[in-house]
Amino acid sequence: ESYCASEFAVNGIVHDVDVLSTGIQLVTLLVDRDGLYKMNRLYIT
């Protein structure tokens, strides 16, 4: 159900977490090719 309701789906390792404020986080994931389930227009570097 979550896969069908979402626009992207990945699995990856958390590289860093930047807490900007209470309840606001910027997360960087390291994803390999097998971890890209659904991309659509997801920006990857």
All heavy atoms as atom14 arrays in JSON, in Angstrom:
{
  "sequence": "ESYCASEFAVNGIVHDVDVLSTGIQLVTLLVDRDGLYKMNRLYIT",
  "atom14_mask": [
    [1, 1, 1, 1, 1, 1, 1, 1, 1, 0, 0, 0, 0, 0],
    [1, 1, 1, 1, 1, 1, 0, 0, 0, 0, 0, 0, 0, 0],
    [1, 1, 1, 1, 1, 1, 1, 1, 1, 1, 1, 1, 0, 0],
    [1, 1, 1, 1, 1, 1, 0, 0, 0, 0, 0, 0, 0, 0],
    [1, 1, 1, 1, 1, 0, 0, 0, 0, 0, 0, 0, 0, 0],
    [1, 1, 1, 1, 1, 1, 0, 0, 0, 0, 0, 0, 0, 0],
    [1, 1, 1, 1, 1, 1, 1, 1, 1, 0, 0, 0, 0, 0],
    [1, 1, 1, 1, 1, 1, 1, 1, 1, 1, 1, 0, 0, 0],
    [1, 1, 1, 1, 1, 0, 0, 0, 0, 0, 0, 0, 0, 0],
    [1, 1, 1, 1, 1, 1, 1, 0, 0, 0, 0, 0, 0, 0],
    [1, 1, 1, 1, 1, 1, 1, 1, 0, 0, 0, 0, 0, 0],
    [1, 1, 1, 1, 0, 0, 0, 0, 0, 0, 0, 0, 0, 0],
    [1, 1, 1, 1, 1, 1, 1, 1, 0, 0, 0, 0, 0, 0],
    [1, 1, 1, 1, 1, 1, 1, 0, 0, 0, 0, 0, 0, 0],
    [1, 1, 1, 1, 1, 1, 1, 1, 1, 1, 0, 0, 0, 0],
    [1, 1, 1, 1, 1, 1, 1, 1, 0, 0, 0, 0, 0, 0],
    [1, 1, 1, 1, 1, 1, 1, 0, 0, 0, 0, 0, 0, 0],
    [1, 1, 1, 1, 1, 1, 1, 1, 0, 0, 0, 0, 0, 0],
    [1, 1, 1, 1, 1, 1, 1, 0, 0, 0, 0, 0, 0, 0],
    [1, 1, 1, 1, 1, 1, 1, 1, 0, 0, 0, 0, 0, 0],
    [1, 1, 1, 1, 1, 1, 0, 0, 0, 0, 0, 0, 0, 0],
    [1, 1, 1, 1, 1, 1, 1, 0, 0, 0, 0, 0, 0, 0],
    [1, 1, 1, 1, 0, 0, 0, 0, 0, 0, 0, 0, 0, 0],
    [1, 1, 1, 1, 1, 1, 1, 1, 0, 0, 0, 0, 0, 0],
    [1, 1, 1, 1, 1, 1, 1, 1, 1, 0, 0, 0, 0, 0],
    [1, 1, 1, 1, 1, 1, 1, 1, 0, 0, 0, 0, 0, 0],
    [1, 1, 1, 1, 1, 1, 1, 0, 0, 0, 0, 0, 0, 0],
    [1, 1, 1, 1, 1, 1, 1, 0, 0, 0, 0, 0, 0, 0],
    [1, 1, 1, 1, 1, 1, 1, 1, 0, 0, 0, 0, 0, 0],
    [1, 1, 1, 1, 1, 1, 1, 1, 0, 0, 0, 0, 0, 0],
    [1, 1, 1, 1, 1, 1, 1, 0, 0, 0, 0, 0, 0, 0],
    [1, 1, 1, 1, 1, 1, 1, 1, 0, 0, 0, 0, 0, 0],
    [1, 1, 1, 1, 1, 1, 1, 1, 1, 1, 1, 0, 0, 0],
    [1, 1, 1, 1, 1, 1, 1, 1, 0, 0, 0, 0, 0, 0],
    [1, 1, 1, 1, 0, 0, 0, 0, 0, 0, 0, 0, 0, 0],
    [1, 1, 1, 1, 1, 1, 1, 1, 0, 0, 0, 0, 0, 0],
    [1, 1, 1, 1, 1, 1, 1, 1, 1, 1, 1, 1, 0, 0],
    [1, 1, 1, 1, 1, 1, 1, 1, 1, 0, 0, 0, 0, 0],
    [1, 1, 1, 1, 1, 1, 1, 1, 0, 0, 0, 0, 0, 0],
    [1, 1, 1, 1, 1, 1, 1, 1, 0, 0, 0, 0, 0, 0],
    [1, 1, 1, 1, 1, 1, 1, 1, 1, 1, 1, 0, 0, 0],
    [1, 1, 1, 1, 1, 1, 1, 1, 0, 0, 0, 0, 0, 0],
    [1, 1, 1, 1, 1, 1, 1, 1, 1, 1, 1, 1, 0, 0],
    [1, 1, 1, 1, 1, 1, 1, 1, 0, 0, 0, 0, 0, 0],
    [1, 1, 1, 1, 1, 1, 1, 0, 0, 0, 0, 0, 0, 0]
  ],
  "atom14_positions": [
    [[0.83, -1.2, 0.0], [0.0, 0.0, 0.0], [0.87, 1.25, 0.0], [0.58, 2.22, -0.73], [-0.92, 0.0, 1.22], [-1.99, -1.08, 1.19], [-2.88, -1.03, 2.42], [-2.69, -0.09, 3.25], [-3.75, -1.89, 2.57], [0.0, 0.0, 0.0], [0.0, 0.0, 0.0], [0.0, 0.0, 0.0], [0.0, 0.0, 0.0], [0.0, 0.0, 0.0]],
    [[1.93, 1.26, 0.8], [2.81, 2.43, 0.83], [3.53, 2.61, -0.5], [3.75, 3.76, -0.94], [3.84, 2.27, 1.95], [3.22, 2.15, 3.21], [0.0, 0.0, 0.0], [0.0, 0.0, 0.0], [0.0, 0.0, 0.0], [0.0, 0.0, 0.0], [0.0, 0.0, 0.0], [0.0, 0.0, 0.0], [0.0, 0.0, 0.0], [0.0, 0.0, 0.0]],
    [[3.9, 1.52, -1.15], [4.58, 1.63, -2.44], [3.66, 2.28, -3.48], [4.09, 3.14, -4.26], [5.02, 0.23, -2.92], [5.71, 0.24, -4.26], [7.07, 0.49, -4.35], [4.99, -0.01, -5.43], [7.71, 0.49, -5.58], [5.62, -0.02, -6.66], [6.98, 0.24, -6.72], [7.61, 0.25, -7.95], [0.0, 0.0, 0.0], [0.0, 0.0, 0.0]],
    [[2.4, 1.86, -3.52], [1.48, 2.42, -4.5], [1.12, 3.88, -4.18], [0.86, 4.67, -5.09], [0.2, 1.58, -4.54], [0.46, -0.09, -5.2], [0.0, 0.0, 0.0], [0.0, 0.0, 0.0], [0.0, 0.0, 0.0], [0.0, 0.0, 0.0], [0.0, 0.0, 0.0], [0.0, 0.0, 0.0], [0.0, 0.0, 0.0], [0.0, 0.0, 0.0]],
    [[1.11, 4.27, -2.9], [0.73, 5.63, -2.53], [1.9, 6.61, -2.58], [1.69, 7.82, -2.46], [0.14, 5.64, -1.13], [0.0, 0.0, 0.0], [0.0, 0.0, 0.0], [0.0, 0.0, 0.0], [0.0, 0.0, 0.0], [0.0, 0.0, 0.0], [0.0, 0.0, 0.0], [0.0, 0.0, 0.0], [0.0, 0.0, 0.0], [0.0, 0.0, 0.0]],
    [[3.13, 6.14, -2.79], [4.31, 7.02, -2.76], [4.78, 7.32, -4.16], [4.42, 6.65, -5.14], [5.43, 6.35, -1.96], [5.83, 5.14, -2.57], [0.0, 0.0, 0.0], [0.0, 0.0, 0.0], [0.0, 0.0, 0.0], [0.0, 0.0, 0.0], [0.0, 0.0, 0.0], [0.0, 0.0, 0.0], [0.0, 0.0, 0.0], [0.0, 0.0, 0.0]],
    [[5.63, 8.36, -4.28], [6.2, 8.76, -5.56], [7.62, 8.24, -5.75], [8.11, 8.19, -6.89], [6.21, 10.29, -5.67], [4.83, 10.91, -5.69], [4.86, 12.43, -5.7], [5.95, 13.02, -5.63], [3.77, 13.03, -5.79], [0.0, 0.0, 0.0], [0.0, 0.0, 0.0], [0.0, 0.0, 0.0], [0.0, 0.0, 0.0], [0.0, 0.0, 0.0]],
    [[8.27, 7.87, -4.67], [9.59, 7.24, -4.78], [9.71, 6.19, -3.68], [9.04, 6.27, -2.64], [10.73, 8.27, -4.68], [11.02, 8.72, -3.28], [12.02, 8.11, -2.52], [10.3, 9.76, -2.7], [12.28, 8.51, -1.22], [10.57, 10.17, -1.4], [11.56, 9.55, -0.66], [0.0, 0.0, 0.0], [0.0, 0.0, 0.0], [0.0, 0.0, 0.0]],
    [[10.57, 5.2, -3.92], [10.82, 4.13, -2.94], [12.27, 3.69, -3.11], [12.67, 3.27, -4.21], [9.86, 2.96, -3.15], [0.0, 0.0, 0.0], [0.0, 0.0, 0.0], [0.0, 0.0, 0.0], [0.0, 0.0, 0.0], [0.0, 0.0, 0.0], [0.0, 0.0, 0.0], [0.0, 0.0, 0.0], [0.0, 0.0, 0.0], [0.0, 0.0, 0.0]],
    [[13.04, 3.78, -2.03], [14.46, 3.4, -2.06], [14.8, 2.71, -0.74], [14.05, 2.8, 0.24], [15.38, 4.62, -2.25], [15.13, 5.29, -3.6], [15.22, 5.62, -1.12], [0.0, 0.0, 0.0], [0.0, 0.0, 0.0], [0.0, 0.0, 0.0], [0.0, 0.0, 0.0], [0.0, 0.0, 0.0], [0.0, 0.0, 0.0], [0.0, 0.0, 0.0]],
    [[15.94, 2.04, -0.73], [16.54, 1.58, 0.53], [18.01, 1.96, 0.51], [18.69, 1.76, -0.5], [16.32, 0.07, 0.75], [17.34, -0.79, 0.05], [18.51, -0.82, 0.41], [16.91, -1.51, -1.01], [0.0, 0.0, 0.0], [0.0, 0.0, 0.0], [0.0, 0.0, 0.0], [0.0, 0.0, 0.0], [0.0, 0.0, 0.0], [0.0, 0.0, 0.0]],
    [[18.48, 2.54, 1.59], [19.85, 3.02, 1.63], [20.34, 3.2, 3.05], [19.6, 3.07, 4.02], [0.0, 0.0, 0.0], [0.0, 0.0, 0.0], [0.0, 0.0, 0.0], [0.0, 0.0, 0.0], [0.0, 0.0, 0.0], [0.0, 0.0, 0.0], [0.0, 0.0, 0.0], [0.0, 0.0, 0.0], [0.0, 0.0, 0.0], [0.0, 0.0, 0.0]],
    [[21.63, 3.52, 3.15], [22.31, 3.72, 4.42], [22.34, 5.21, 4.74], [22.65, 6.04, 3.87], [23.74, 3.16, 4.36], [23.7, 1.66, 4.03], [24.48, 3.38, 5.68], [25.05, 1.06, 3.75], [0.0, 0.0, 0.0], [0.0, 0.0, 0.0], [0.0, 0.0, 0.0], [0.0, 0.0, 0.0], [0.0, 0.0, 0.0], [0.0, 0.0, 0.0]],
    [[22.02, 5.55, 5.96], [22.0, 6.95, 6.39], [23.44, 7.45, 6.49], [24.24, 6.94, 7.28], [21.26, 7.11, 7.74], [21.3, 8.57, 8.18], [19.83, 6.63, 7.62], [0.0, 0.0, 0.0], [0.0, 0.0, 0.0], [0.0, 0.0, 0.0], [0.0, 0.0, 0.0], [0.0, 0.0, 0.0], [0.0, 0.0, 0.0], [0.0, 0.0, 0.0]],
    [[23.76, 8.46, 5.68], [25.11, 9.04, 5.7], [25.23, 10.11, 6.76], [26.19, 10.13, 7.54], [25.45, 9.61, 4.31], [26.82, 10.16, 4.21], [27.12, 11.5, 4.41], [28.02, 9.56, 3.96], [28.41, 11.7, 4.28], [28.98, 10.53, 4.0], [0.0, 0.0, 0.0], [0.0, 0.0, 0.0], [0.0, 0.0, 0.0], [0.0, 0.0, 0.0]],
    [[24.29, 11.03, 6.81], [24.28, 12.06, 7.85], [22.87, 12.6, 8.01], [22.02, 12.46, 7.13], [25.26, 13.2, 7.54], [24.98, 13.84, 6.19], [23.83, 14.2, 5.92], [25.93, 14.0, 5.38], [0.0, 0.0, 0.0], [0.0, 0.0, 0.0], [0.0, 0.0, 0.0], [0.0, 0.0, 0.0], [0.0, 0.0, 0.0], [0.0, 0.0, 0.0]],
    [[22.63, 13.19, 9.18], [21.34, 13.78, 9.53], [21.61, 15.19, 10.03], [22.36, 15.38, 11.0], [20.62, 12.95, 10.61], [19.29, 13.61, 10.96], [20.39, 11.53, 10.15], [0.0, 0.0, 0.0], [0.0, 0.0, 0.0], [0.0, 0.0, 0.0], [0.0, 0.0, 0.0], [0.0, 0.0, 0.0], [0.0, 0.0, 0.0], [0.0, 0.0, 0.0]],
    [[21.0, 16.17, 9.36], [21.16, 17.57, 9.73], [19.84, 18.07, 10.31], [18.84, 18.2, 9.6], [21.56, 18.4, 8.5], [21.96, 19.82, 8.87], [22.01, 20.12, 10.07], [22.22, 20.63, 7.94], [0.0, 0.0, 0.0], [0.0, 0.0, 0.0], [0.0, 0.0, 0.0], [0.0, 0.0, 0.0], [0.0, 0.0, 0.0], [0.0, 0.0, 0.0]],
    [[19.83, 18.32, 11.63], [18.63, 18.79, 12.31], [18.6, 20.31, 12.2], [19.41, 21.0, 12.82], [18.6, 18.33, 13.78], [17.33, 18.83, 14.47], [18.69, 16.82, 13.87], [0.0, 0.0, 0.0], [0.0, 0.0, 0.0], [0.0, 0.0, 0.0], [0.0, 0.0, 0.0], [0.0, 0.0, 0.0], [0.0, 0.0, 0.0], [0.0, 0.0, 0.0]],
    [[17.68, 20.83, 11.4], [17.57, 22.28, 11.2], [16.78, 22.95, 12.31], [17.11, 24.05, 12.73], [16.91, 22.56, 9.85], [17.6, 21.95, 8.63], [16.85, 22.3, 7.36], [19.05, 22.4, 8.53], [0.0, 0.0, 0.0], [0.0, 0.0, 0.0], [0.0, 0.0, 0.0], [0.0, 0.0, 0.0], [0.0, 0.0, 0.0], [0.0, 0.0, 0.0]],
    [[15.75, 22.28, 12.81], [14.92, 22.81, 13.88], [14.12, 21.66, 14.46], [14.28, 20.5, 14.04], [14.01, 23.92, 13.34], [13.21, 24.45, 14.39], [0.0, 0.0, 0.0], [0.0, 0.0, 0.0], [0.0, 0.0, 0.0], [0.0, 0.0, 0.0], [0.0, 0.0, 0.0], [0.0, 0.0, 0.0], [0.0, 0.0, 0.0], [0.0, 0.0, 0.0]],
    [[13.24, 21.97, 15.4], [12.43, 20.92, 16.02], [11.47, 20.36, 14.98], [10.63, 21.09, 14.42], [11.64, 21.49, 17.2], [12.55, 22.09, 18.12], [10.84, 20.39, 17.89], [0.0, 0.0, 0.0], [0.0, 0.0, 0.0], [0.0, 0.0, 0.0], [0.0, 0.0, 0.0], [0.0, 0.0, 0.0], [0.0, 0.0, 0.0], [0.0, 0.0, 0.0]],
    [[11.61, 19.06, 14.69], [10.74, 18.39, 13.72], [11.14, 18.6, 12.28], [10.38, 18.24, 11.37], [0.0, 0.0, 0.0], [0.0, 0.0, 0.0], [0.0, 0.0, 0.0], [0.0, 0.0, 0.0], [0.0, 0.0, 0.0], [0.0, 0.0, 0.0], [0.0, 0.0, 0.0], [0.0, 0.0, 0.0], [0.0, 0.0, 0.0], [0.0, 0.0, 0.0]],
    [[12.33, 19.16, 12.02], [12.79, 19.41, 10.64], [14.19, 18.8, 10.51], [15.13, 19.23, 11.2], [12.82, 20.9, 10.3], [11.46, 21.54, 10.53], [13.27, 21.12, 8.86], [11.44, 23.04, 10.36], [0.0, 0.0, 0.0], [0.0, 0.0, 0.0], [0.0, 0.0, 0.0], [0.0, 0.0, 0.0], [0.0, 0.0, 0.0], [0.0, 0.0, 0.0]],
    [[14.33, 17.79, 9.63], [15.61, 17.11, 9.43], [15.91, 16.99, 7.94], [15.0, 16.73, 7.14], [15.59, 15.69, 10.02], [15.24, 15.61, 11.48], [15.2, 14.16, 11.95], [16.22, 13.6, 12.33], [14.03, 13.56, 11.93], [0.0, 0.0, 0.0], [0.0, 0.0, 0.0], [0.0, 0.0, 0.0], [0.0, 0.0, 0.0], [0.0, 0.0, 0.0]],
    [[17.16, 17.18, 7.59], [17.65, 16.91, 6.24], [18.51, 15.66, 6.29], [19.53, 15.64, 6.98], [18.46, 18.09, 5.7], [17.68, 19.2, 4.98], [18.61, 20.33, 4.59], [16.97, 18.65, 3.76], [0.0, 0.0, 0.0], [0.0, 0.0, 0.0], [0.0, 0.0, 0.0], [0.0, 0.0, 0.0], [0.0, 0.0, 0.0], [0.0, 0.0, 0.0]],
    [[18.08, 14.61, 5.6], [18.74, 13.3, 5.67], [19.38, 13.01, 4.32], [18.77, 13.25, 3.26], [17.73, 12.2, 6.03], [18.43, 10.86, 6.2], [16.96, 12.56, 7.3], [0.0, 0.0, 0.0], [0.0, 0.0, 0.0], [0.0, 0.0, 0.0], [0.0, 0.0, 0.0], [0.0, 0.0, 0.0], [0.0, 0.0, 0.0], [0.0, 0.0, 0.0]],
    [[20.6, 12.48, 4.38], [21.31, 12.07, 3.16], [21.47, 10.55, 3.19], [22.04, 10.0, 4.13], [22.7, 12.73, 3.06], [22.53, 14.16, 3.11], [23.39, 12.34, 1.77], [0.0, 0.0, 0.0], [0.0, 0.0, 0.0], [0.0, 0.0, 0.0], [0.0, 0.0, 0.0], [0.0, 0.0, 0.0], [0.0, 0.0, 0.0], [0.0, 0.0, 0.0]],
    [[20.95, 9.88, 2.15], [21.03, 8.43, 2.02], [22.01, 8.06, 0.92], [22.1, 8.75, -0.11], [19.66, 7.83, 1.68], [18.56, 7.88, 2.75], [17.31, 7.2, 2.21], [19.0, 7.21, 4.03], [0.0, 0.0, 0.0], [0.0, 0.0, 0.0], [0.0, 0.0, 0.0], [0.0, 0.0, 0.0], [0.0, 0.0, 0.0], [0.0, 0.0, 0.0]],
    [[22.76, 6.98, 1.16], [23.61, 6.37, 0.14], [22.9, 5.12, -0.38], [22.71, 4.15, 0.36], [24.98, 6.01, 0.71], [25.84, 7.19, 1.2], [27.16, 6.67, 1.77], [26.1, 8.18, 0.08], [0.0, 0.0, 0.0], [0.0, 0.0, 0.0], [0.0, 0.0, 0.0], [0.0, 0.0, 0.0], [0.0, 0.0, 0.0], [0.0, 0.0, 0.0]],
    [[22.51, 5.16, -1.67], [21.68, 4.1, -2.27], [22.46, 3.47, -3.41], [23.07, 4.18, -4.22], [20.34, 4.67, -2.78], [19.43, 3.56, -3.27], [19.64, 5.47, -1.68], [0.0, 0.0, 0.0], [0.0, 0.0, 0.0], [0.0, 0.0, 0.0], [0.0, 0.0, 0.0], [0.0, 0.0, 0.0], [0.0, 0.0, 0.0], [0.0, 0.0, 0.0]],
    [[22.45, 2.12, -3.45], [23.06, 1.43, -4.59], [21.99, 1.17, -5.66], [20.83, 1.53, -5.51], [23.74, 0.14, -4.15], [22.77, -0.81, -3.45], [21.57, -0.48, -3.34], [23.22, -1.88, -3.0], [0.0, 0.0, 0.0], [0.0, 0.0, 0.0], [0.0, 0.0, 0.0], [0.0, 0.0, 0.0], [0.0, 0.0, 0.0], [0.0, 0.0, 0.0]],
    [[22.39, 0.52, -6.76], [21.45, 0.31, -7.88], [20.3, -0.6, -7.47], [19.17, -0.41, -7.95], [22.2, -0.27, -9.08], [23.2, 0.68, -9.7], [23.84, 0.09, -10.94], [24.78, 1.04, -11.53], [24.44, 1.99, -12.41], [23.17, 2.11, -12.79], [25.36, 2.8, -12.91], [0.0, 0.0, 0.0], [0.0, 0.0, 0.0], [0.0, 0.0, 0.0]],
    [[20.58, -1.59, -6.63], [19.5, -2.5, -6.22], [18.52, -1.86, -5.26], [17.43, -2.39, -5.04], [20.1, -3.76, -5.57], [20.97, -4.55, -6.53], [20.73, -4.46, -7.75], [21.9, -5.24, -6.06], [0.0, 0.0, 0.0], [0.0, 0.0, 0.0], [0.0, 0.0, 0.0], [0.0, 0.0, 0.0], [0.0, 0.0, 0.0], [0.0, 0.0, 0.0]],
    [[18.9, -0.72, -4.68], [18.02, -0.07, -3.73], [17.07, 0.94, -4.33], [16.28, 1.56, -3.6], [0.0, 0.0, 0.0], [0.0, 0.0, 0.0], [0.0, 0.0, 0.0], [0.0, 0.0, 0.0], [0.0, 0.0, 0.0], [0.0, 0.0, 0.0], [0.0, 0.0, 0.0], [0.0, 0.0, 0.0], [0.0, 0.0, 0.0], [0.0, 0.0, 0.0]],
    [[17.11, 1.14, -5.63], [16.22, 2.09, -6.3], [14.97, 1.33, -6.76], [14.91, 0.84, -7.89], [16.94, 2.75, -7.47], [18.16, 3.6, -7.11], [18.91, 4.03, -8.36], [17.74, 4.82, -6.29], [0.0, 0.0, 0.0], [0.0, 0.0, 0.0], [0.0, 0.0, 0.0], [0.0, 0.0, 0.0], [0.0, 0.0, 0.0], [0.0, 0.0, 0.0]],
    [[13.95, 1.22, -5.9], [12.72, 0.53, -6.27], [11.89, 1.37, -7.25], [11.45, 0.9, -8.29], [11.87, 0.24, -5.03], [12.56, -0.55, -3.95], [12.67, -0.06, -2.66], [13.11, -1.8, -4.22], [13.29, -0.79, -1.66], [13.73, -2.53, -3.22], [13.83, -2.01, -1.94], [14.45, -2.74, -0.96], [0.0, 0.0, 0.0], [0.0, 0.0, 0.0]],
    [[11.66, 2.62, -6.9], [10.85, 3.53, -7.71], [11.5, 4.91, -7.64], [11.77, 5.41, -6.56], [9.42, 3.6, -7.18], [8.49, 4.47, -8.03], [7.25, 4.87, -7.25], [6.29, 3.69, -7.13], [4.98, 4.13, -6.56], [0.0, 0.0, 0.0], [0.0, 0.0, 0.0], [0.0, 0.0, 0.0], [0.0, 0.0, 0.0], [0.0, 0.0, 0.0]],
    [[11.7, 5.55, -8.82], [12.41, 6.82, -8.85], [11.51, 7.97, -9.3], [11.51, 9.03, -8.66], [13.63, 6.73, -9.77], [14.75, 5.87, -9.22], [16.18, 5.88, -10.31], [16.56, 7.61, -10.34], [0.0, 0.0, 0.0], [0.0, 0.0, 0.0], [0.0, 0.0, 0.0], [0.0, 0.0, 0.0], [0.0, 0.0, 0.0], [0.0, 0.0, 0.0]],
    [[10.77, 7.78, -10.41], [10.03, 8.89, -11.03], [11.0, 10.04, -11.31], [11.95, 9.87, -12.05], [8.85, 9.33, -10.17], [7.7, 8.33, -10.25], [7.58, 7.6, -11.24], [6.86, 8.28, -9.23], [0.0, 0.0, 0.0], [0.0, 0.0, 0.0], [0.0, 0.0, 0.0], [0.0, 0.0, 0.0], [0.0, 0.0, 0.0], [0.0, 0.0, 0.0]],
    [[10.82, 11.19, -10.68], [11.69, 12.35, -10.9], [12.57, 12.62, -9.68], [12.96, 13.76, -9.42], [10.86, 13.58, -11.22], [10.11, 13.46, -12.54], [9.38, 14.74, -12.87], [8.7, 14.64, -14.15], [8.01, 15.63, -14.71], [7.91, 16.81, -14.08], [7.4, 15.47, -15.87], [0.0, 0.0, 0.0], [0.0, 0.0, 0.0], [0.0, 0.0, 0.0]],
    [[12.94, 11.59, -8.97], [13.8, 11.74, -7.8], [15.2, 12.15, -8.24], [15.78, 11.55, -9.16], [13.86, 10.43, -7.0], [14.66, 10.44, -5.71], [14.0, 11.34, -4.67], [14.81, 9.02, -5.16], [0.0, 0.0, 0.0], [0.0, 0.0, 0.0], [0.0, 0.0, 0.0], [0.0, 0.0, 0.0], [0.0, 0.0, 0.0], [0.0, 0.0, 0.0]],
    [[15.74, 13.17, -7.61], [17.07, 13.69, -7.96], [18.12, 12.89, -7.2], [18.11, 12.83, -5.97], [17.16, 15.18, -7.62], [18.45, 15.83, -8.03], [18.68, 16.19, -9.35], [19.47, 16.06, -7.1], [19.86, 16.78, -9.74], [20.65, 16.64, -7.47], [20.85, 17.0, -8.79], [22.05, 17.58, -9.17], [0.0, 0.0, 0.0], [0.0, 0.0, 0.0]],
    [[19.05, 12.27, -7.95], [20.13, 11.49, -7.34], [21.46, 12.02, -7.85], [21.57, 12.49, -8.99], [19.98, 9.98, -7.63], [19.98, 9.71, -9.13], [18.74, 9.42, -6.97], [19.95, 8.24, -9.49], [0.0, 0.0, 0.0], [0.0, 0.0, 0.0], [0.0, 0.0, 0.0], [0.0, 0.0, 0.0], [0.0, 0.0, 0.0], [0.0, 0.0, 0.0]],
    [[22.49, 11.91, -7.0], [23.83, 12.36, -7.35], [24.79, 11.19, -7.24], [24.87, 10.57, -6.16], [24.29, 13.49, -6.4], [23.32, 14.52, -6.39], [25.63, 14.05, -6.82], [0.0, 0.0, 0.0], [0.0, 0.0, 0.0], [0.0, 0.0, 0.0], [0.0, 0.0, 0.0], [0.0, 0.0, 0.0], [0.0, 0.0, 0.0], [0.0, 0.0, 0.0]]
  ]
}
